[in-house]
Amino acid sequence: MADLLSSAPHVLAVSMLAEKTVRSPLLYAWWAFNLIVLAGVVYAVYWSVKKWRAGRGARG
């Protein structure tokens, strides 16, 4: 039974019946916003570590 479900003709038939997903432009805006926030967080961590290392090195 599992062989019938994984056969090439079955996969081809299912792929031909599949509908294309339509994504909203709002979803892309949300992804872009998340990437900008992630970049900001990464930069904040970078800046904090850089400042912490500079302060630590000045004492030594």
PDB file of N, CA and C in Angstrom:
ATOM      1  N   MET A   1       0.820  -1.198   0.000  1.00  0.00           N
ATOM      2  CA  MET A   1       0.000   0.000   0.000  1.00  0.00           C
ATOM      3  C   MET A   1       0.860   1.257   0.000  1.00  0.00           C
ATOM      4  N   ALA A   2       1.941   1.222   0.772  1.00  0.00           N
ATOM      5  CA  ALA A   2       2.819   2.393   0.820  1.00  0.00           C
ATOM      6  C   ALA A   2       3.494   2.629  -0.527  1.00  0.00           C
ATOM      7  N   ASP A   3       3.712   1.536  -1.277  1.00  0.00           N
ATOM      8  CA  ASP A   3       4.327   1.680  -2.595  1.00  0.00           C
ATOM      9  C   ASP A   3       3.421   2.430  -3.560  1.00  0.00           C
ATOM     10  N   LEU A   4       2.125   2.245  -3.417  1.00  0.00           N
ATOM     11  CA  LEU A   4       1.182   2.943  -4.291  1.00  0.00           C
ATOM     12  C   LEU A   4       1.166   4.443  -4.018  1.00  0.00           C
ATOM     13  N   LEU A   5       1.316   4.807  -2.755  1.00  0.00           N
ATOM     14  CA  LEU A   5       1.266   6.226  -2.397  1.00  0.00           C
ATOM     15  C   LEU A   5       2.537   6.974  -2.785  1.00  0.00           C
ATOM     16  N   SER A   6       3.645   6.255  -2.849  1.00  0.00           N
ATOM     17  CA  SER A   6       4.910   6.920  -3.171  1.00  0.00           C
ATOM     18  C   SER A   6       5.320   6.726  -4.625  1.00  0.00           C
ATOM     19  N   SER A   7       4.447   6.164  -5.436  1.00  0.00           N
ATOM     20  CA  SER A   7       4.803   5.934  -6.834  1.00  0.00           C
ATOM     21  C   SER A   7       4.864   7.248  -7.596  1.00  0.00           C
ATOM     22  N   ALA A   8       5.651   7.267  -8.638  1.00  0.00           N
ATOM     23  CA  ALA A   8       5.855   8.487  -9.431  1.00  0.00           C
ATOM     24  C   ALA A   8       4.571   9.005 -10.065  1.00  0.00           C
ATOM     25  N   PRO A   9       3.715   8.162 -10.643  1.00  0.00           N
ATOM     26  CA  PRO A   9       2.479   8.710 -11.225  1.00  0.00           C
ATOM     27  C   PRO A   9       1.590   9.378 -10.190  1.00  0.00           C
ATOM     28  N   HIS A  10       1.543   8.811  -8.995  1.00  0.00           N
ATOM     29  CA  HIS A  10       0.720   9.408  -7.929  1.00  0.00           C
ATOM     30  C   HIS A  10       1.265  10.762  -7.521  1.00  0.00           C
ATOM     31  N   VAL A  11       2.570  10.853  -7.371  1.00  0.00           N
ATOM     32  CA  VAL A  11       3.203  12.115  -6.990  1.00  0.00           C
ATOM     33  C   VAL A  11       2.981  13.160  -8.080  1.00  0.00           C
ATOM     34  N   LEU A  12       3.086  12.753  -9.328  1.00  0.00           N
ATOM     35  CA  LEU A  12       2.870  13.664 -10.451  1.00  0.00           C
ATOM     36  C   LEU A  12       1.426  14.155 -10.482  1.00  0.00           C
ATOM     37  N   ALA A  13       0.484  13.261 -10.259  1.00  0.00           N
ATOM     38  CA  ALA A  13      -0.932  13.637 -10.269  1.00  0.00           C
ATOM     39  C   ALA A  13      -1.254  14.605  -9.142  1.00  0.00           C
ATOM     40  N   VAL A  14      -0.710  14.347  -7.956  1.00  0.00           N
ATOM     41  CA  VAL A  14      -0.964  15.231  -6.819  1.00  0.00           C
ATOM     42  C   VAL A  14      -0.332  16.593  -7.048  1.00  0.00           C
ATOM     43  N   SER A  15       0.862  16.618  -7.618  1.00  0.00           N
ATOM     44  CA  SER A  15       1.520  17.901  -7.857  1.00  0.00           C
ATOM     45  C   SER A  15       0.786  18.719  -8.912  1.00  0.00           C
ATOM     46  N   MET A  16       0.133  18.052  -9.853  1.00  0.00           N
ATOM     47  CA  MET A  16      -0.627  18.785 -10.863  1.00  0.00           C
ATOM     48  C   MET A  16      -1.918  19.349 -10.286  1.00  0.00           C
ATOM     49  N   LEU A  17      -2.437  18.717  -9.245  1.00  0.00           N
ATOM     50  CA  LEU A  17      -3.670  19.188  -8.613  1.00  0.00           C
ATOM     51  C   LEU A  17      -3.406  20.281  -7.580  1.00  0.00           C
ATOM     52  N   ALA A  18      -2.177  20.392  -7.123  1.00  0.00           N
ATOM     53  CA  ALA A  18      -1.856  21.362  -6.079  1.00  0.00           C
ATOM     54  C   ALA A  18      -2.046  22.785  -6.597  1.00  0.00           C
ATOM     55  N   GLU A  19      -2.626  23.608  -5.752  1.00  0.00           N
ATOM     56  CA  GLU A  19      -2.850  25.006  -6.119  1.00  0.00           C
ATOM     57  C   GLU A  19      -1.681  25.854  -5.639  1.00  0.00           C
ATOM     58  N   LYS A  20      -1.382  26.877  -6.395  1.00  0.00           N
ATOM     59  CA  LYS A  20      -0.300  27.780  -6.014  1.00  0.00           C
ATOM     60  C   LYS A  20      -0.746  28.636  -4.834  1.00  0.00           C
ATOM     61  N   THR A  21       0.113  28.753  -3.852  1.00  0.00           N
ATOM     62  CA  THR A  21      -0.192  29.568  -2.690  1.00  0.00           C
ATOM     63  C   THR A  21      -0.033  31.038  -3.041  1.00  0.00           C
ATOM     64  N   VAL A  22      -1.040  31.822  -2.731  1.00  0.00           N
ATOM     65  CA  VAL A  22      -0.975  33.260  -2.962  1.00  0.00           C
ATOM     66  C   VAL A  22      -0.661  33.917  -1.627  1.00  0.00           C
ATOM     67  N   ARG A  23       0.465  34.608  -1.588  1.00  0.00           N
ATOM     68  CA  ARG A  23       0.883  35.249  -0.343  1.00  0.00           C
ATOM     69  C   ARG A  23       0.576  36.733  -0.395  1.00  0.00           C
ATOM     70  N   SER A  24       0.146  37.245   0.718  1.00  0.00           N
ATOM     71  CA  SER A  24      -0.209  38.655   0.814  1.00  0.00           C
ATOM     72  C   SER A  24       1.057  39.511   0.869  1.00  0.00           C
ATOM     73  N   PRO A  25       1.020  40.705   0.284  1.00  0.00           N
ATOM     74  CA  PRO A  25       2.158  41.620   0.430  1.00  0.00           C
ATOM     75  C   PRO A  25       2.416  41.987   1.893  1.00  0.00           C
ATOM     76  N   LEU A  26       1.365  41.914   2.693  1.00  0.00           N
ATOM     77  CA  LEU A  26       1.527  42.196   4.116  1.00  0.00           C
ATOM     78  C   LEU A  26       2.436  41.165   4.787  1.00  0.00           C
ATOM     79  N   LEU A  27       2.388  39.928   4.307  1.00  0.00           N
ATOM     80  CA  LEU A  27       3.267  38.896   4.846  1.00  0.00           C
ATOM     81  C   LEU A  27       4.720  39.225   4.557  1.00  0.00           C
ATOM     82  N   TYR A  28       5.007  39.689   3.331  1.00  0.00           N
ATOM     83  CA  TYR A  28       6.377  40.076   2.998  1.00  0.00           C
ATOM     84  C   TYR A  28       6.828  41.281   3.810  1.00  0.00           C
ATOM     85  N   ALA A  29       5.925  42.207   4.062  1.00  0.00           N
ATOM     86  CA  ALA A  29       6.253  43.357   4.905  1.00  0.00           C
ATOM     87  C   ALA A  29       6.574  42.889   6.329  1.00  0.00           C
ATOM     88  N   TRP A  30       5.815  41.906   6.821  1.00  0.00           N
ATOM     89  CA  TRP A  30       6.052  41.363   8.160  1.00  0.00           C
ATOM     90  C   TRP A  30       7.420  40.678   8.228  1.00  0.00           C
ATOM     91  N   TRP A  31       7.756  39.920   7.184  1.00  0.00           N
ATOM     92  CA  TRP A  31       9.073  39.271   7.142  1.00  0.00           C
ATOM     93  C   TRP A  31      10.189  40.314   7.104  1.00  0.00           C
ATOM     94  N   ALA A  32      10.001  41.360   6.324  1.00  0.00           N
ATOM     95  CA  ALA A  32      11.017  42.417   6.238  1.00  0.00           C
ATOM     96  C   ALA A  32      11.180  43.108   7.587  1.00  0.00           C
ATOM     97  N   PHE A  33      10.073  43.373   8.250  1.00  0.00           N
ATOM     98  CA  PHE A  33      10.127  43.989   9.587  1.00  0.00           C
ATOM     99  C   PHE A  33      10.877  43.093  10.562  1.00  0.00           C
ATOM    100  N   ASN A  34      10.594  41.793  10.519  1.00  0.00           N
ATOM    101  CA  ASN A  34      11.290  40.857  11.406  1.00  0.00           C
ATOM    102  C   ASN A  34      12.782  40.816  11.122  1.00  0.00           C
ATOM    103  N   LEU A  35      13.167  40.878   9.842  1.00  0.00           N
ATOM    104  CA  LEU A  35      14.592  40.894   9.505  1.00  0.00           C
ATOM    105  C   LEU A  35      15.267  42.162  10.007  1.00  0.00           C
ATOM    106  N   ILE A  36      14.575  43.296   9.902  1.00  0.00           N
ATOM    107  CA  ILE A  36      15.133  44.559  10.388  1.00  0.00           C
ATOM    108  C   ILE A  36      15.309  44.510  11.903  1.00  0.00           C
ATOM    109  N   VAL A  37      14.311  43.985  12.609  1.00  0.00           N
ATOM    110  CA  VAL A  37      14.415  43.862  14.072  1.00  0.00           C
ATOM    111  C   VAL A  37      15.548  42.915  14.443  1.00  0.00           C
ATOM    112  N   LEU A  38      15.667  41.795  13.728  1.00  0.00           N
ATOM    113  CA  LEU A  38      16.746  40.845  14.006  1.00  0.00           C
ATOM    114  C   LEU A  38      18.110  41.486  13.780  1.00  0.00           C
ATOM    115  N   ALA A  39      18.246  42.248  12.691  1.00  0.00           N
ATOM    116  CA  ALA A  39      19.510  42.938  12.428  1.00  0.00           C
ATOM    117  C   ALA A  39      19.807  43.943  13.537  1.00  0.00           C
ATOM    118  N   GLY A  40      18.779  44.634  14.027  1.00  0.00           N
ATOM    119  CA  GLY A  40      18.968  45.580  15.123  1.00  0.00           C
ATOM    120  C   GLY A  40      19.422  44.892  16.396  1.00  0.00           C
ATOM    121  N   VAL A  41      18.842  43.747  16.695  1.00  0.00           N
ATOM    122  CA  VAL A  41      19.236  42.997  17.895  1.00  0.00           C
ATOM    123  C   VAL A  41      20.675  42.515  17.773  1.00  0.00           C
ATOM    124  N   VAL A  42      21.043  42.002  16.607  1.00  0.00           N
ATOM    125  CA  VAL A  42      22.415  41.537  16.390  1.00  0.00           C
ATOM    126  C   VAL A  42      23.391  42.695  16.528  1.00  0.00           C
ATOM    127  N   TYR A  43      23.052  43.850  15.960  1.00  0.00           N
ATOM    128  CA  TYR A  43      23.933  45.007  16.073  1.00  0.00           C
ATOM    129  C   TYR A  43      24.034  45.481  17.519  1.00  0.00           C
ATOM    130  N   ALA A  44      22.933  45.456  18.263  1.00  0.00           N
ATOM    131  CA  ALA A  44      22.955  45.871  19.673  1.00  0.00           C
ATOM    132  C   ALA A  44      23.850  44.951  20.496  1.00  0.00           C
ATOM    133  N   VAL A  45      23.786  43.652  20.226  1.00  0.00           N
ATOM    134  CA  VAL A  45      24.658  42.709  20.941  1.00  0.00           C
ATOM    135  C   VAL A  45      26.109  42.964  20.566  1.00  0.00           C
ATOM    136  N   TYR A  46      26.373  43.169  19.280  1.00  0.00           N
ATOM    137  CA  TYR A  46      27.729  43.469  18.822  1.00  0.00           C
ATOM    138  C   TYR A  46      28.263  44.734  19.497  1.00  0.00           C
ATOM    139  N   TRP A  47      27.444  45.778  19.519  1.00  0.00           N
ATOM    140  CA  TRP A  47      27.861  47.052  20.109  1.00  0.00           C
ATOM    141  C   TRP A  47      28.095  46.890  21.610  1.00  0.00           C
ATOM    142  N   SER A  48      27.232  46.146  22.290  1.00  0.00           N
ATOM    143  CA  SER A  48      27.380  45.935  23.733  1.00  0.00           C
ATOM    144  C   SER A  48      28.655  45.170  24.064  1.00  0.00           C
ATOM    145  N   VAL A  49      28.944  44.124  23.300  1.00  0.00           N
ATOM    146  CA  VAL A  49      30.157  43.345  23.541  1.00  0.00           C
ATOM    147  C   VAL A  49      31.389  44.189  23.248  1.00  0.00           C
ATOM    148  N   LYS A  50      31.333  44.967  22.186  1.00  0.00           N
ATOM    149  CA  LYS A  50      32.459  45.835  21.840  1.00  0.00           C
ATOM    150  C   LYS A  50      32.716  46.861  22.950  1.00  0.00           C
ATOM    151  N   LYS A  51      31.651  47.458  23.462  1.00  0.00           N
ATOM    152  CA  LYS A  51      31.784  48.433  24.550  1.00  0.00           C
ATOM    153  C   LYS A  51      32.290  47.757  25.827  1.00  0.00           C
ATOM    154  N   TRP A  52      31.765  46.564  26.119  1.00  0.00           N
ATOM    155  CA  TRP A  52      32.174  45.841  27.312  1.00  0.00           C
ATOM    156  C   TRP A  52      33.657  45.465  27.236  1.00  0.00           C
ATOM    157  N   ARG A  53      34.119  45.033  26.063  1.00  0.00           N
ATOM    158  CA  ARG A  53      35.530  44.667  25.910  1.00  0.00           C
ATOM    159  C   ARG A  53      36.435  45.902  26.014  1.00  0.00           C
ATOM    160  N   ALA A  54      35.975  47.028  25.464  1.00  0.00           N
ATOM    161  CA  ALA A  54      36.786  48.250  25.529  1.00  0.00           C
ATOM    162  C   ALA A  54      36.913  48.707  26.986  1.00  0.00           C
ATOM    163  N   GLY A  55      35.832  48.654  27.735  1.00  0.00           N
ATOM    164  CA  GLY A  55      35.896  49.041  29.149  1.00  0.00           C
ATOM    165  C   GLY A  55      36.719  48.082  29.986  1.00  0.00           C
ATOM    166  N   ARG A  56      36.667  46.838  29.646  1.00  0.00           N
ATOM    167  CA  ARG A  56      37.417  45.821  30.380  1.00  0.00           C
ATOM    168  C   ARG A  56      38.919  45.955  30.102  1.00  0.00           C
ATOM    169  N   GLY A  57      39.270  46.268  28.866  1.00  0.00           N
ATOM    170  CA  GLY A  57      40.672  46.392  28.503  1.00  0.00           C
ATOM    171  C   GLY A  57      41.318  47.644  29.097  1.00  0.00           C
ATOM    172  N   ALA A  58      40.540  48.683  29.316  1.00  0.00           N
ATOM    173  CA  ALA A  58      41.082  49.932  29.856  1.00  0.00           C
ATOM    174  C   ALA A  58      41.528  49.750  31.305  1.00  0.00           C
ATOM    175  N   ARG A  59      40.865  48.883  32.033  1.00  0.00           N
ATOM    176  CA  ARG A  59      41.242  48.671  33.444  1.00  0.00           C
ATOM    177  C   ARG A  59      42.528  47.852  33.563  1.00  0.00           C
ATOM    178  N   GLY A  60      42.766  46.989  32.605  1.00  0.00           N
ATOM    179  CA  GLY A  60      43.886  46.048  32.710  1.00  0.00           C
ATOM    180  C   GLY A  60      45.113  46.655  32.241  1.00  0.00           C
TER     181      GLY A  60
END
